[in-house]
């Protein structure tokens, strides 16, 4: 029975990629669990603990953002930056996370993000389709 449980856990794990393109800019997103000061890189969003945080590396900037506890969301915010894999009414989408930044004037800048792997796959499909024309 335990073997079946372990096998099923692989089927429902949610593994977020680390490399993205956001508004044409490369971004690296690494999630850490830190409930016991262990700083372990998270490989499954189902294992997110209370001390989790994400480090976003965008251009030359590194941003550390703590986990939020918003109901039905998988998100991180420091009130200036906000990163989310799931909004309340949407399914988890690790390939198209939401990234927002509050500018000093209060305006919200939205970034269109896509995982680098999916972006490359989409570009390869477009190249193949263009070659067939």
Protein backbone atom coordinates (compact mmCIF):
# COMPACT_ATOMS: atom_id res chain seq x y z
CA UNK A 1 0.00 0.00 0.00
CA UNK A 2 2.84 2.39 0.84
CA UNK A 3 4.38 1.74 -2.58
CA UNK A 4 1.12 2.76 -4.28
CA UNK A 5 1.02 5.97 -2.23
CA UNK A 6 4.58 6.83 -3.23
CA UNK A 7 3.89 6.13 -6.89
CA UNK A 8 0.74 8.27 -6.81
CA UNK A 9 2.66 11.14 -5.21
CA UNK A 10 4.85 11.32 -8.34
CA UNK A 11 1.77 11.67 -10.49
CA UNK A 12 0.41 14.65 -8.56
CA UNK A 13 3.62 16.51 -7.80
CA UNK A 14 3.79 20.05 -9.12
CA UNK A 15 7.36 20.80 -10.18
CA UNK A 16 7.89 24.42 -11.13
CA UNK A 17 10.58 25.25 -13.68
CA UNK A 18 13.28 27.72 -12.65
CA UNK A 19 13.91 29.51 -15.94
CA UNK A 20 11.42 31.94 -17.47
CA UNK A 21 11.15 34.74 -19.99
CA UNK A 22 9.19 37.71 -18.61
CA UNK A 23 8.49 40.59 -21.01
CA UNK A 24 11.44 39.37 -23.07
CA UNK A 25 13.81 39.36 -20.07
CA UNK A 26 15.34 36.13 -18.72
CA UNK A 27 14.27 35.40 -15.13
CA UNK A 28 15.34 32.64 -12.74
CA UNK A 29 12.93 31.68 -9.94
CA UNK A 30 14.15 29.46 -7.11
CA UNK A 31 11.85 28.52 -4.22
CA UNK A 32 13.31 27.63 -0.84
CA UNK A 33 11.68 26.02 2.18
CA UNK A 34 13.00 27.49 5.40
CA UNK A 35 10.82 26.37 8.30
CA UNK A 36 13.84 25.04 10.19
CA UNK A 37 16.54 27.31 8.72
CA UNK A 38 17.39 24.57 6.24
CA UNK A 39 17.16 26.64 3.02
CA UNK A 40 16.21 23.62 0.93
CA UNK A 41 15.41 24.18 -2.74
CA UNK A 42 11.79 23.21 -3.30
CA UNK A 43 11.04 20.77 -6.11
CA UNK A 44 7.31 20.26 -5.52
CA UNK A 45 4.80 23.03 -4.79
CA UNK A 46 2.79 20.57 -2.69
CA UNK A 47 5.67 20.62 -0.17
CA UNK A 48 5.66 24.40 0.34
CA UNK A 49 6.17 25.16 4.05
CA UNK A 50 5.34 28.19 6.22
CA UNK A 51 8.85 29.62 5.95
CA UNK A 52 9.08 29.37 2.17
CA UNK A 53 10.36 32.20 0.02
CA UNK A 54 11.26 32.69 -3.63
CA UNK A 55 14.36 34.33 -5.07
CA UNK A 56 13.80 35.99 -8.43
CA UNK A 57 16.83 36.91 -10.50
CA UNK A 58 15.71 39.43 -13.10
CA UNK A 59 18.44 41.17 -15.12
CA UNK A 60 21.04 42.17 -12.53
CA UNK A 61 18.53 42.24 -9.66
CA UNK A 62 17.92 39.51 -7.07
CA UNK A 63 14.66 39.77 -5.15
CA UNK A 64 13.76 37.60 -2.14
CA UNK A 65 10.00 37.43 -1.61
CA UNK A 66 8.25 35.62 1.28
CA UNK A 67 5.33 33.27 0.81
CA UNK A 68 1.82 34.61 1.21
CA UNK A 69 -0.92 32.73 2.97
CA UNK A 70 -3.75 33.80 0.69
CA UNK A 71 -6.40 31.13 0.57
CA UNK A 72 -6.37 29.04 -2.64
CA UNK A 73 -3.23 30.72 -3.99
CA UNK A 74 0.40 29.72 -4.42
CA UNK A 75 1.98 33.14 -4.23
CA UNK A 76 4.78 35.26 -2.80
CA UNK A 77 4.82 39.01 -2.11
CA UNK A 78 6.74 41.74 -0.32
CA UNK A 79 4.10 44.39 -1.20
CA UNK A 80 6.31 45.65 -4.05
CA UNK A 81 6.79 42.43 -6.04
CA UNK A 82 4.21 39.66 -6.42
CA UNK A 83 4.77 36.19 -7.97
CA UNK A 84 2.05 33.57 -8.25
CA UNK A 85 1.53 30.14 -9.82
CA UNK A 86 -2.17 30.09 -8.98
CA UNK A 87 -4.88 32.66 -8.46
CA UNK A 88 -7.97 31.75 -6.46
CA UNK A 89 -10.17 31.02 -9.46
CA UNK A 90 -7.54 29.49 -11.75
CA UNK A 91 -5.72 26.15 -11.88
CA UNK A 92 -2.01 25.90 -11.08
CA UNK A 93 0.05 26.93 -14.10
CA UNK A 94 3.79 26.61 -13.50
CA UNK A 95 4.58 27.55 -17.11
CA UNK A 96 2.77 30.92 -17.02
CA UNK A 97 3.25 32.44 -13.55
CA UNK A 98 2.06 35.92 -12.72
CA UNK A 99 4.63 38.61 -11.93
CA UNK A 100 3.70 42.12 -10.89
CA UNK A 101 5.66 45.09 -9.57
CA UNK A 102 4.29 48.12 -7.75
CA UNK A 103 6.11 51.21 -8.99
CA UNK A 104 6.93 54.13 -6.65
CA UNK A 105 3.95 56.08 -8.06
CA UNK A 106 1.62 53.19 -7.11
CA UNK A 107 1.10 51.99 -10.67
CA UNK A 108 1.17 48.20 -11.17
CA UNK A 109 3.44 46.79 -13.88
CA UNK A 110 2.36 43.35 -15.14
CA UNK A 111 4.88 40.98 -16.67
CA UNK A 112 3.95 38.29 -19.19
CA UNK A 113 5.95 35.24 -18.13
CA UNK A 114 6.44 31.87 -19.81
CA UNK A 115 8.75 29.05 -18.84
CA UNK A 116 11.88 29.00 -20.98
CA UNK A 117 11.25 25.35 -21.94
CA UNK A 118 7.73 26.11 -23.18
CA UNK A 119 8.94 29.23 -24.95
CA UNK A 120 11.60 27.23 -26.80
CA UNK A 121 9.05 24.53 -27.66
CA UNK A 122 6.62 27.15 -29.02
CA UNK A 123 9.41 28.78 -31.06
CA UNK A 124 10.41 25.41 -32.54
CA UNK A 125 6.80 24.70 -33.52
CA UNK A 126 6.55 28.14 -35.17
CA UNK A 127 9.80 27.53 -37.10
CA UNK A 128 8.56 24.14 -38.33
CA UNK A 129 5.23 25.65 -39.40
CA UNK A 130 6.98 28.49 -41.26
CA UNK A 131 9.27 26.01 -43.01
CA UNK A 132 6.22 24.14 -44.29
CA UNK A 133 4.79 27.25 -45.95
